[in-house]
């Protein structure tokens, strides 16, 4: 997701196609056309690849699958950003608030360099601890009590498929 609220899901910045768009765009457009409907896009705040750990929230990307004018709700493991109807500066602040803290300063720097955030903007303290170890520590008591199962609503996966999923 870009800091302006566009989403990319089908290709890398190099143009290499990694998946099809499928019906994603149709669902997004429908969520804006139906009364009281909302679009919720979920993604992990980071991803690891051959170049190392990267933020999944970026300043800009070479192309988009879902344009910024269709931005709505974005969810990461660190929170929910309500974007629909918000001006660019507020969208940026809300997305930085749910980004991994290891990448927040660079995202702020880029937004400021492009005139989208005030020079004095700083990430509020309550969002500066978006880190895997902090999240794990907070969730640990519930995980230990068995209250955070991998598939809380059940699964049709076989025991062999469950082993493959974990790999």
N, C-alpha and C. Protein backbone atom coordinates (compact mmCIF):
# COMPACT_ATOMS: atom_id res chain seq x y z
N UNK A 1 0.85 -1.17 0.00
CA UNK A 1 0.00 0.00 0.00
C UNK A 1 0.90 1.23 0.00
N UNK A 2 0.59 2.20 -0.86
CA UNK A 2 1.37 3.43 -0.85
C UNK A 2 0.84 4.37 0.23
N UNK A 3 1.66 5.33 0.64
CA UNK A 3 1.23 6.26 1.67
C UNK A 3 0.06 7.14 1.23
N UNK A 4 -0.23 7.16 -0.05
CA UNK A 4 -1.39 7.91 -0.53
C UNK A 4 -2.62 7.01 -0.65
N UNK A 5 -2.48 5.74 -0.29
CA UNK A 5 -3.63 4.85 -0.21
C UNK A 5 -3.87 3.95 -1.40
N UNK A 6 -3.01 3.95 -2.39
CA UNK A 6 -3.15 3.01 -3.51
C UNK A 6 -2.64 1.65 -3.08
N UNK A 7 -3.16 0.60 -3.70
CA UNK A 7 -2.73 -0.76 -3.36
C UNK A 7 -2.18 -1.47 -4.58
N UNK A 8 -1.19 -2.30 -4.34
CA UNK A 8 -0.55 -3.08 -5.40
C UNK A 8 -0.65 -4.54 -5.02
N UNK A 9 -1.15 -5.37 -5.94
CA UNK A 9 -1.30 -6.78 -5.57
C UNK A 9 -0.94 -7.76 -6.68
N UNK A 10 -0.58 -7.28 -7.84
CA UNK A 10 -0.38 -8.22 -8.95
C UNK A 10 1.03 -8.27 -9.52
N UNK A 11 1.85 -7.27 -9.28
CA UNK A 11 3.18 -7.27 -9.89
C UNK A 11 4.18 -6.53 -9.01
N UNK A 12 5.44 -6.83 -9.24
CA UNK A 12 6.52 -6.14 -8.54
C UNK A 12 6.78 -4.80 -9.21
N UNK A 13 7.53 -3.94 -8.54
CA UNK A 13 7.80 -2.62 -9.10
C UNK A 13 8.53 -2.73 -10.44
N UNK A 14 9.31 -3.80 -10.62
CA UNK A 14 10.02 -4.02 -11.87
C UNK A 14 9.07 -4.34 -13.03
N UNK A 15 7.81 -4.62 -12.71
CA UNK A 15 6.85 -5.00 -13.73
C UNK A 15 6.63 -6.50 -13.81
N UNK A 16 7.45 -7.28 -13.09
CA UNK A 16 7.29 -8.72 -13.08
C UNK A 16 5.94 -9.08 -12.46
N UNK A 17 5.11 -9.78 -13.22
CA UNK A 17 3.79 -10.17 -12.74
C UNK A 17 3.94 -11.36 -11.81
N UNK A 18 3.34 -11.27 -10.62
CA UNK A 18 3.43 -12.36 -9.65
C UNK A 18 2.07 -12.99 -9.35
N UNK A 19 1.00 -12.35 -9.79
CA UNK A 19 -0.34 -12.92 -9.60
C UNK A 19 -1.30 -12.19 -10.51
N UNK A 20 -2.50 -12.68 -10.55
CA UNK A 20 -3.54 -11.98 -11.28
C UNK A 20 -4.33 -11.09 -10.33
N UNK A 21 -4.97 -10.11 -10.88
CA UNK A 21 -5.80 -9.21 -10.08
C UNK A 21 -7.06 -9.94 -9.64
N UNK A 22 -7.49 -10.90 -10.46
CA UNK A 22 -8.72 -11.61 -10.13
C UNK A 22 -9.88 -10.64 -10.07
N UNK A 23 -10.76 -10.81 -9.13
CA UNK A 23 -11.90 -9.92 -9.00
C UNK A 23 -11.68 -8.81 -8.01
N UNK A 24 -10.44 -8.60 -7.57
CA UNK A 24 -10.17 -7.61 -6.52
C UNK A 24 -10.72 -6.24 -6.89
N UNK A 25 -10.39 -5.75 -8.08
CA UNK A 25 -10.84 -4.42 -8.44
C UNK A 25 -12.37 -4.34 -8.42
N UNK A 26 -13.04 -5.40 -8.89
CA UNK A 26 -14.51 -5.40 -8.91
C UNK A 26 -15.08 -5.29 -7.50
N UNK A 27 -14.50 -6.02 -6.55
CA UNK A 27 -14.96 -5.95 -5.17
C UNK A 27 -14.73 -4.56 -4.58
N UNK A 28 -13.59 -3.97 -4.92
CA UNK A 28 -13.27 -2.63 -4.43
C UNK A 28 -14.28 -1.62 -4.98
N UNK A 29 -14.48 -1.66 -6.28
CA UNK A 29 -15.44 -0.72 -6.89
C UNK A 29 -16.83 -0.92 -6.33
N UNK A 30 -17.22 -2.19 -6.12
CA UNK A 30 -18.54 -2.49 -5.57
C UNK A 30 -18.68 -1.92 -4.16
N UNK A 31 -17.62 -1.99 -3.37
CA UNK A 31 -17.70 -1.50 -1.99
C UNK A 31 -17.95 0.01 -1.96
N UNK A 32 -17.57 0.69 -3.01
CA UNK A 32 -17.82 2.13 -3.08
C UNK A 32 -19.18 2.44 -3.71
N UNK A 33 -19.72 1.48 -4.44
CA UNK A 33 -21.01 1.70 -5.13
C UNK A 33 -22.21 1.34 -4.26
N UNK A 34 -22.03 0.39 -3.36
CA UNK A 34 -23.15 -0.05 -2.52
C UNK A 34 -23.30 0.85 -1.30
N UNK A 35 -24.53 1.18 -0.95
CA UNK A 35 -24.73 2.01 0.25
C UNK A 35 -24.21 1.30 1.49
N UNK A 36 -23.49 2.01 2.30
CA UNK A 36 -22.97 1.52 3.59
C UNK A 36 -21.97 0.39 3.47
N UNK A 37 -21.48 0.06 2.28
CA UNK A 37 -20.47 -0.99 2.14
C UNK A 37 -19.10 -0.41 2.41
N UNK A 38 -18.18 -1.24 2.85
CA UNK A 38 -16.80 -0.82 3.12
C UNK A 38 -15.84 -1.83 2.51
N UNK A 39 -14.69 -1.35 2.16
CA UNK A 39 -13.60 -2.19 1.65
C UNK A 39 -12.56 -2.31 2.75
N UNK A 40 -12.20 -3.52 3.12
CA UNK A 40 -11.16 -3.73 4.11
C UNK A 40 -10.03 -4.49 3.44
N UNK A 41 -8.86 -3.87 3.37
CA UNK A 41 -7.68 -4.51 2.80
C UNK A 41 -6.73 -4.82 3.94
N UNK A 42 -6.33 -6.08 4.02
CA UNK A 42 -5.42 -6.51 5.09
C UNK A 42 -4.07 -6.89 4.49
N UNK A 43 -3.02 -6.50 5.18
CA UNK A 43 -1.68 -6.89 4.75
C UNK A 43 -0.76 -6.90 5.96
N UNK A 44 0.29 -7.65 5.87
CA UNK A 44 1.32 -7.62 6.92
C UNK A 44 2.10 -6.33 6.75
N UNK A 45 2.52 -5.76 7.86
CA UNK A 45 3.24 -4.49 7.82
C UNK A 45 4.61 -4.62 7.15
N UNK A 46 5.18 -5.82 7.16
CA UNK A 46 6.48 -6.05 6.53
C UNK A 46 6.43 -7.33 5.71
N UNK A 47 7.42 -7.46 4.85
CA UNK A 47 7.62 -8.71 4.12
C UNK A 47 9.13 -8.89 3.94
N UNK A 48 9.53 -10.14 3.90
CA UNK A 48 10.94 -10.48 3.77
C UNK A 48 11.16 -11.07 2.39
N UNK A 49 12.18 -10.61 1.70
CA UNK A 49 12.51 -11.19 0.40
C UNK A 49 14.02 -11.23 0.24
N UNK A 50 14.49 -11.50 -0.95
CA UNK A 50 15.93 -11.64 -1.18
C UNK A 50 16.70 -10.37 -0.82
N UNK A 51 16.03 -9.23 -0.80
CA UNK A 51 16.68 -7.97 -0.45
C UNK A 51 16.58 -7.64 1.03
N UNK A 52 16.00 -8.56 1.83
CA UNK A 52 15.87 -8.34 3.26
C UNK A 52 14.47 -7.88 3.64
N UNK A 53 14.33 -7.47 4.87
CA UNK A 53 13.04 -7.04 5.41
C UNK A 53 12.65 -5.69 4.81
N UNK A 54 11.42 -5.61 4.33
CA UNK A 54 10.91 -4.39 3.70
C UNK A 54 9.56 -4.04 4.30
N UNK A 55 9.23 -2.77 4.27
CA UNK A 55 7.91 -2.32 4.69
C UNK A 55 6.91 -2.62 3.58
N UNK A 56 5.73 -3.05 3.95
CA UNK A 56 4.66 -3.25 2.97
C UNK A 56 3.88 -1.97 2.75
N UNK A 57 4.18 -0.95 3.53
CA UNK A 57 3.63 0.38 3.31
C UNK A 57 4.80 1.22 2.80
N UNK A 58 4.65 1.76 1.61
CA UNK A 58 5.75 2.45 0.93
C UNK A 58 5.30 3.84 0.49
N UNK A 59 6.26 4.70 0.19
CA UNK A 59 5.90 6.03 -0.28
C UNK A 59 5.20 5.93 -1.64
N UNK A 60 5.82 5.23 -2.57
CA UNK A 60 5.29 5.17 -3.93
C UNK A 60 5.66 3.83 -4.54
N UNK A 61 4.98 3.46 -5.62
CA UNK A 61 5.26 2.20 -6.31
C UNK A 61 5.10 2.45 -7.80
N UNK A 62 5.74 1.64 -8.60
CA UNK A 62 5.77 1.85 -10.04
C UNK A 62 4.42 1.76 -10.74
N UNK A 63 3.48 1.09 -10.15
CA UNK A 63 2.14 0.98 -10.71
C UNK A 63 1.18 0.64 -9.56
N UNK A 64 -0.10 0.63 -9.84
CA UNK A 64 -1.07 0.27 -8.81
C UNK A 64 -2.12 -0.67 -9.37
N UNK A 65 -2.70 -1.46 -8.49
CA UNK A 65 -3.82 -2.33 -8.83
C UNK A 65 -5.12 -1.63 -8.45
N UNK A 66 -5.12 -1.04 -7.26
CA UNK A 66 -6.28 -0.31 -6.75
C UNK A 66 -5.85 1.14 -6.59
N UNK A 67 -6.45 2.06 -7.35
CA UNK A 67 -6.02 3.46 -7.28
C UNK A 67 -6.39 4.13 -5.96
N UNK A 68 -5.66 5.17 -5.66
CA UNK A 68 -5.81 5.89 -4.39
C UNK A 68 -7.20 6.47 -4.19
N UNK A 69 -7.91 6.78 -5.25
CA UNK A 69 -9.24 7.37 -5.06
C UNK A 69 -10.25 6.34 -4.52
N UNK A 70 -9.87 5.06 -4.50
CA UNK A 70 -10.73 4.02 -3.94
C UNK A 70 -10.25 3.55 -2.57
N UNK A 71 -9.36 4.28 -1.96
CA UNK A 71 -8.85 3.91 -0.64
C UNK A 71 -10.00 3.88 0.37
N UNK A 72 -9.88 2.96 1.34
CA UNK A 72 -10.94 2.85 2.34
C UNK A 72 -10.34 2.44 3.68
N UNK A 73 -10.36 1.17 4.03
CA UNK A 73 -9.84 0.71 5.32
C UNK A 73 -8.64 -0.20 5.06
N UNK A 74 -7.54 0.07 5.74
CA UNK A 74 -6.34 -0.77 5.63
C UNK A 74 -6.03 -1.28 7.03
N UNK A 75 -5.76 -2.59 7.12
CA UNK A 75 -5.48 -3.24 8.39
C UNK A 75 -4.12 -3.92 8.32
N UNK A 76 -3.27 -3.67 9.34
CA UNK A 76 -2.05 -4.46 9.53
C UNK A 76 -2.13 -5.06 10.93
N UNK A 77 -1.12 -5.82 11.29
CA UNK A 77 -1.10 -6.40 12.63
C UNK A 77 -1.01 -5.32 13.71
N UNK A 78 -0.74 -4.07 13.32
CA UNK A 78 -0.59 -3.00 14.30
C UNK A 78 -1.81 -2.09 14.41
N UNK A 79 -2.82 -2.33 13.60
CA UNK A 79 -4.00 -1.50 13.74
C UNK A 79 -4.79 -1.33 12.45
N UNK A 80 -5.74 -0.40 12.53
CA UNK A 80 -6.68 -0.14 11.44
C UNK A 80 -6.56 1.33 11.04
N UNK A 81 -6.46 1.58 9.75
CA UNK A 81 -6.42 2.95 9.23
C UNK A 81 -7.67 3.18 8.39
N UNK A 82 -8.52 4.08 8.85
CA UNK A 82 -9.73 4.48 8.10
C UNK A 82 -9.31 5.60 7.15
N UNK A 83 -9.36 5.34 5.84
CA UNK A 83 -8.83 6.28 4.87
C UNK A 83 -9.89 6.96 4.01
N UNK A 84 -11.05 6.36 3.89
CA UNK A 84 -12.07 6.87 2.97
C UNK A 84 -12.43 8.31 3.31
N UNK A 85 -12.38 9.15 2.29
CA UNK A 85 -12.79 10.54 2.44
C UNK A 85 -11.79 11.44 3.14
N UNK A 86 -10.61 10.93 3.46
CA UNK A 86 -9.61 11.72 4.17
C UNK A 86 -8.65 12.41 3.19
N UNK A 87 -8.17 13.60 3.55
CA UNK A 87 -7.17 14.25 2.70
C UNK A 87 -5.83 13.50 2.78
N UNK A 88 -4.97 13.74 1.80
CA UNK A 88 -3.71 13.01 1.71
C UNK A 88 -2.89 13.03 3.00
N UNK A 89 -2.74 14.19 3.62
CA UNK A 89 -1.94 14.28 4.84
C UNK A 89 -2.46 13.38 5.94
N UNK A 90 -3.78 13.32 6.09
CA UNK A 90 -4.36 12.47 7.12
C UNK A 90 -4.22 11.00 6.75
N UNK A 91 -4.36 10.66 5.49
CA UNK A 91 -4.15 9.28 5.03
C UNK A 91 -2.73 8.85 5.37
N UNK A 92 -1.78 9.70 5.10
CA UNK A 92 -0.37 9.40 5.37
C UNK A 92 -0.15 9.18 6.86
N UNK A 93 -0.67 10.08 7.70
CA UNK A 93 -0.49 9.94 9.15
C UNK A 93 -1.11 8.63 9.64
N UNK A 94 -2.28 8.28 9.13
CA UNK A 94 -2.96 7.06 9.58
C UNK A 94 -2.24 5.81 9.12
N UNK A 95 -1.69 5.82 7.91
CA UNK A 95 -0.95 4.64 7.45
C UNK A 95 0.39 4.49 8.18
N UNK A 96 1.05 5.59 8.47
CA UNK A 96 2.29 5.52 9.24
C UNK A 96 2.01 4.95 10.63
N UNK A 97 0.85 5.26 11.18
CA UNK A 97 0.49 4.78 12.52
C UNK A 97 0.33 3.26 12.56
N UNK A 98 0.07 2.60 11.43
CA UNK A 98 -0.07 1.14 11.42
C UNK A 98 1.10 0.47 10.71
N UNK A 99 2.12 1.25 10.38
CA UNK A 99 3.33 0.70 9.76
C UNK A 99 4.26 0.17 10.85
N UNK A 100 5.16 -0.72 10.47
CA UNK A 100 6.18 -1.22 11.37
C UNK A 100 7.10 -0.06 11.76
N UNK A 101 7.38 0.07 13.03
CA UNK A 101 8.15 1.21 13.53
C UNK A 101 9.56 1.29 12.97
N UNK A 102 10.11 0.19 12.50
CA UNK A 102 11.45 0.22 11.92
C UNK A 102 11.49 1.00 10.61
N UNK A 103 10.32 1.28 10.04
CA UNK A 103 10.25 1.97 8.75
C UNK A 103 9.54 3.32 8.85
N UNK A 104 9.01 3.65 10.00
CA UNK A 104 8.22 4.88 10.12
C UNK A 104 9.03 6.14 9.83
N UNK A 105 10.23 6.24 10.36
CA UNK A 105 11.02 7.46 10.17
C UNK A 105 11.29 7.72 8.69
N UNK A 106 11.60 6.68 7.94
CA UNK A 106 11.85 6.85 6.50
C UNK A 106 10.57 7.24 5.77
N UNK A 107 9.44 6.66 6.15
CA UNK A 107 8.17 7.04 5.52
C UNK A 107 7.85 8.50 5.81
N UNK A 108 8.07 8.93 7.04
CA UNK A 108 7.85 10.34 7.40
C UNK A 108 8.78 11.24 6.57
N UNK A 109 10.05 10.85 6.47
CA UNK A 109 11.02 11.64 5.71
C UNK A 109 10.57 11.82 4.26
N UNK A 110 10.11 10.72 3.65
CA UNK A 110 9.68 10.80 2.25
C UNK A 110 8.44 11.66 2.09
N UNK A 111 7.49 11.52 3.01
CA UNK A 111 6.27 12.33 2.93
C UNK A 111 6.59 13.81 3.10
N UNK A 112 7.49 14.13 4.01
CA UNK A 112 7.89 15.53 4.21
C UNK A 112 8.62 16.06 2.97
N UNK A 113 9.49 15.22 2.39
CA UNK A 113 10.25 15.64 1.21
C UNK A 113 9.33 15.95 0.03
N UNK A 114 8.16 15.34 0.00
CA UNK A 114 7.20 15.58 -1.08
C UNK A 114 6.11 16.57 -0.69
N UNK A 115 6.30 17.23 0.45
CA UNK A 115 5.37 18.27 0.87
C UNK A 115 4.02 17.78 1.36
N UNK A 116 3.95 16.51 1.77
CA UNK A 116 2.67 15.94 2.21
C UNK A 116 2.50 15.93 3.73
N UNK A 117 3.57 16.19 4.46
CA UNK A 117 3.50 16.31 5.92
C UNK A 117 4.21 17.59 6.32
N UNK A 118 3.72 18.25 7.37
CA UNK A 118 4.37 19.44 7.89
C UNK A 118 5.78 19.08 8.36
N UNK A 119 6.68 20.04 8.24
CA UNK A 119 8.08 19.81 8.62
C UNK A 119 8.22 19.37 10.07
N UNK A 120 7.33 19.81 10.95
CA UNK A 120 7.44 19.47 12.36
C UNK A 120 6.74 18.20 12.77
N UNK A 121 6.13 17.49 11.82
CA UNK A 121 5.38 16.28 12.17
C UNK A 121 6.30 15.22 12.75
N UNK A 122 5.83 14.60 13.83
CA UNK A 122 6.51 13.45 14.43
C UNK A 122 5.47 12.37 14.69
N UNK A 123 5.87 11.12 14.54
CA UNK A 123 4.98 10.01 14.82
C UNK A 123 4.63 10.04 16.31
N UNK A 124 3.36 10.04 16.66
CA UNK A 124 2.99 10.04 18.08
C UNK A 124 3.59 8.83 18.80
N UNK A 125 3.96 9.03 20.05
CA UNK A 125 4.62 8.00 20.85
C UNK A 125 3.83 6.69 20.87
N UNK A 126 2.51 6.75 20.92
CA UNK A 126 1.71 5.52 21.02
C UNK A 126 1.84 4.61 19.79
N UNK A 127 2.36 5.15 18.68
CA UNK A 127 2.56 4.34 17.47
C UNK A 127 4.02 3.98 17.23
N UNK A 128 4.92 4.38 18.13
CA UNK A 128 6.36 4.16 17.93
C UNK A 128 6.83 2.79 18.37
N UNK A 129 5.92 1.93 18.79
CA UNK A 129 6.30 0.61 19.30
C UNK A 129 5.66 -0.51 18.47
N UNK A 130 5.45 -0.24 17.20
CA UNK A 130 4.88 -1.25 16.30
C UNK A 130 5.99 -2.20 15.86
N UNK A 131 6.27 -3.15 16.73
CA UNK A 131 7.35 -4.10 16.50
C UNK A 131 6.86 -5.50 16.80
N UNK A 132 7.35 -6.51 16.08
CA UNK A 132 6.90 -7.89 16.30
C UNK A 132 7.06 -8.35 17.74
N UNK A 133 8.20 -8.02 18.36
CA UNK A 133 8.44 -8.49 19.72
C UNK A 133 7.48 -7.84 20.73
N UNK A 134 7.09 -6.60 20.49
CA UNK A 134 6.13 -5.92 21.37
C UNK A 134 4.76 -6.56 21.22
N UNK A 135 4.38 -6.84 19.97
CA UNK A 135 3.10 -7.49 19.71
C UNK A 135 3.07 -8.89 20.32
N UNK A 136 4.17 -9.62 20.15
CA UNK A 136 4.24 -10.97 20.72
C UNK A 136 4.13 -10.93 22.24
N UNK A 137 4.79 -9.97 22.85
CA UNK A 137 4.72 -9.84 24.31
C UNK A 137 3.29 -9.54 24.78
N UNK A 138 2.61 -8.66 24.06
CA UNK A 138 1.24 -8.31 24.44
C UNK A 138 0.28 -9.49 24.28
N UNK A 139 0.50 -10.29 23.24
CA UNK A 139 -0.41 -11.41 22.96
C UNK A 139 -0.04 -12.69 23.69
N UNK A 140 1.14 -12.74 24.28
CA UNK A 140 1.64 -13.95 24.91
C UNK A 140 0.67 -14.59 25.91
N UNK A 141 0.08 -13.85 26.83
CA UNK A 141 -0.83 -14.49 27.79
C UNK A 141 -2.00 -15.22 27.12
N UNK A 142 -2.54 -14.62 26.08
CA UNK A 142 -3.68 -15.25 25.39
C UNK A 142 -3.22 -16.44 24.55
N UNK A 143 -2.04 -16.35 23.97
CA UNK A 143 -1.52 -17.48 23.21
C UNK A 143 -1.24 -18.66 24.14
N UNK A 144 -0.63 -18.39 25.29
CA UNK A 144 -0.35 -19.43 26.26
C UNK A 144 -1.62 -20.11 26.77
N UNK A 145 -2.69 -19.34 26.86
CA UNK A 145 -3.97 -19.88 27.33
C UNK A 145 -4.73 -20.61 26.22
N UNK A 146 -4.13 -20.66 25.02
CA UNK A 146 -4.77 -21.35 23.90
C UNK A 146 -5.93 -20.59 23.29
N UNK A 147 -5.97 -19.28 23.51
CA UNK A 147 -7.09 -18.47 23.03
C UNK A 147 -6.83 -17.83 21.67
N UNK A 148 -5.67 -18.12 21.06
CA UNK A 148 -5.36 -17.57 19.74
C UNK A 148 -5.01 -18.70 18.76
N UNK A 149 -5.98 -19.56 18.45
CA UNK A 149 -5.69 -20.67 17.53
C UNK A 149 -5.38 -20.15 16.12
N UNK A 150 -4.64 -20.95 15.37
CA UNK A 150 -4.30 -20.56 13.99
C UNK A 150 -5.55 -20.37 13.14
N UNK A 151 -6.55 -21.20 13.35
CA UNK A 151 -7.78 -21.13 12.56
C UNK A 151 -8.96 -21.05 13.52
N UNK A 152 -9.27 -19.84 14.02
CA UNK A 152 -10.31 -19.72 15.05
C UNK A 152 -11.69 -20.16 14.60
N UNK A 153 -11.95 -20.17 13.31
CA UNK A 153 -13.27 -20.58 12.81
C UNK A 153 -13.22 -21.97 12.18
N UNK A 154 -12.12 -22.69 12.43
CA UNK A 154 -11.97 -24.04 11.88
C UNK A 154 -11.29 -24.01 10.53
N UNK A 155 -11.02 -25.20 10.00
CA UNK A 155 -10.37 -25.32 8.70
C UNK A 155 -10.74 -26.65 8.06
N UNK A 156 -10.71 -26.66 6.75
CA UNK A 156 -10.92 -27.89 6.00
C UNK A 156 -9.59 -28.53 5.59
N UNK A 157 -8.48 -27.94 6.03
CA UNK A 157 -7.17 -28.49 5.68
C UNK A 157 -6.96 -29.83 6.36
N UNK A 158 -6.32 -30.73 5.65
CA UNK A 158 -5.99 -32.04 6.21
C UNK A 158 -4.76 -31.89 7.10
N UNK A 159 -4.45 -32.89 7.93
CA UNK A 159 -3.21 -32.81 8.74
C UNK A 159 -1.96 -32.58 7.89
N UNK A 160 -1.89 -33.22 6.72
CA UNK A 160 -0.74 -33.01 5.84
C UNK A 160 -0.69 -31.57 5.32
N UNK A 161 -1.84 -31.02 4.96
CA UNK A 161 -1.89 -29.65 4.47
C UNK A 161 -1.52 -28.66 5.57
N UNK A 162 -1.90 -28.95 6.80
CA UNK A 162 -1.53 -28.08 7.91
C UNK A 162 -0.02 -28.04 8.09
N UNK A 163 0.66 -29.19 7.88
CA UNK A 163 2.12 -29.20 7.95
C UNK A 163 2.73 -28.37 6.84
N UNK A 164 2.16 -28.47 5.65
CA UNK A 164 2.66 -27.71 4.50
C UNK A 164 2.46 -26.22 4.73
N UNK A 165 1.31 -25.82 5.25
CA UNK A 165 1.02 -24.42 5.52
C UNK A 165 2.07 -23.84 6.46
N UNK A 166 2.45 -24.55 7.49
CA UNK A 166 3.43 -24.06 8.45
C UNK A 166 4.83 -23.93 7.82
N UNK A 167 5.10 -24.74 6.83
CA UNK A 167 6.41 -24.66 6.16
C UNK A 167 6.52 -23.37 5.37
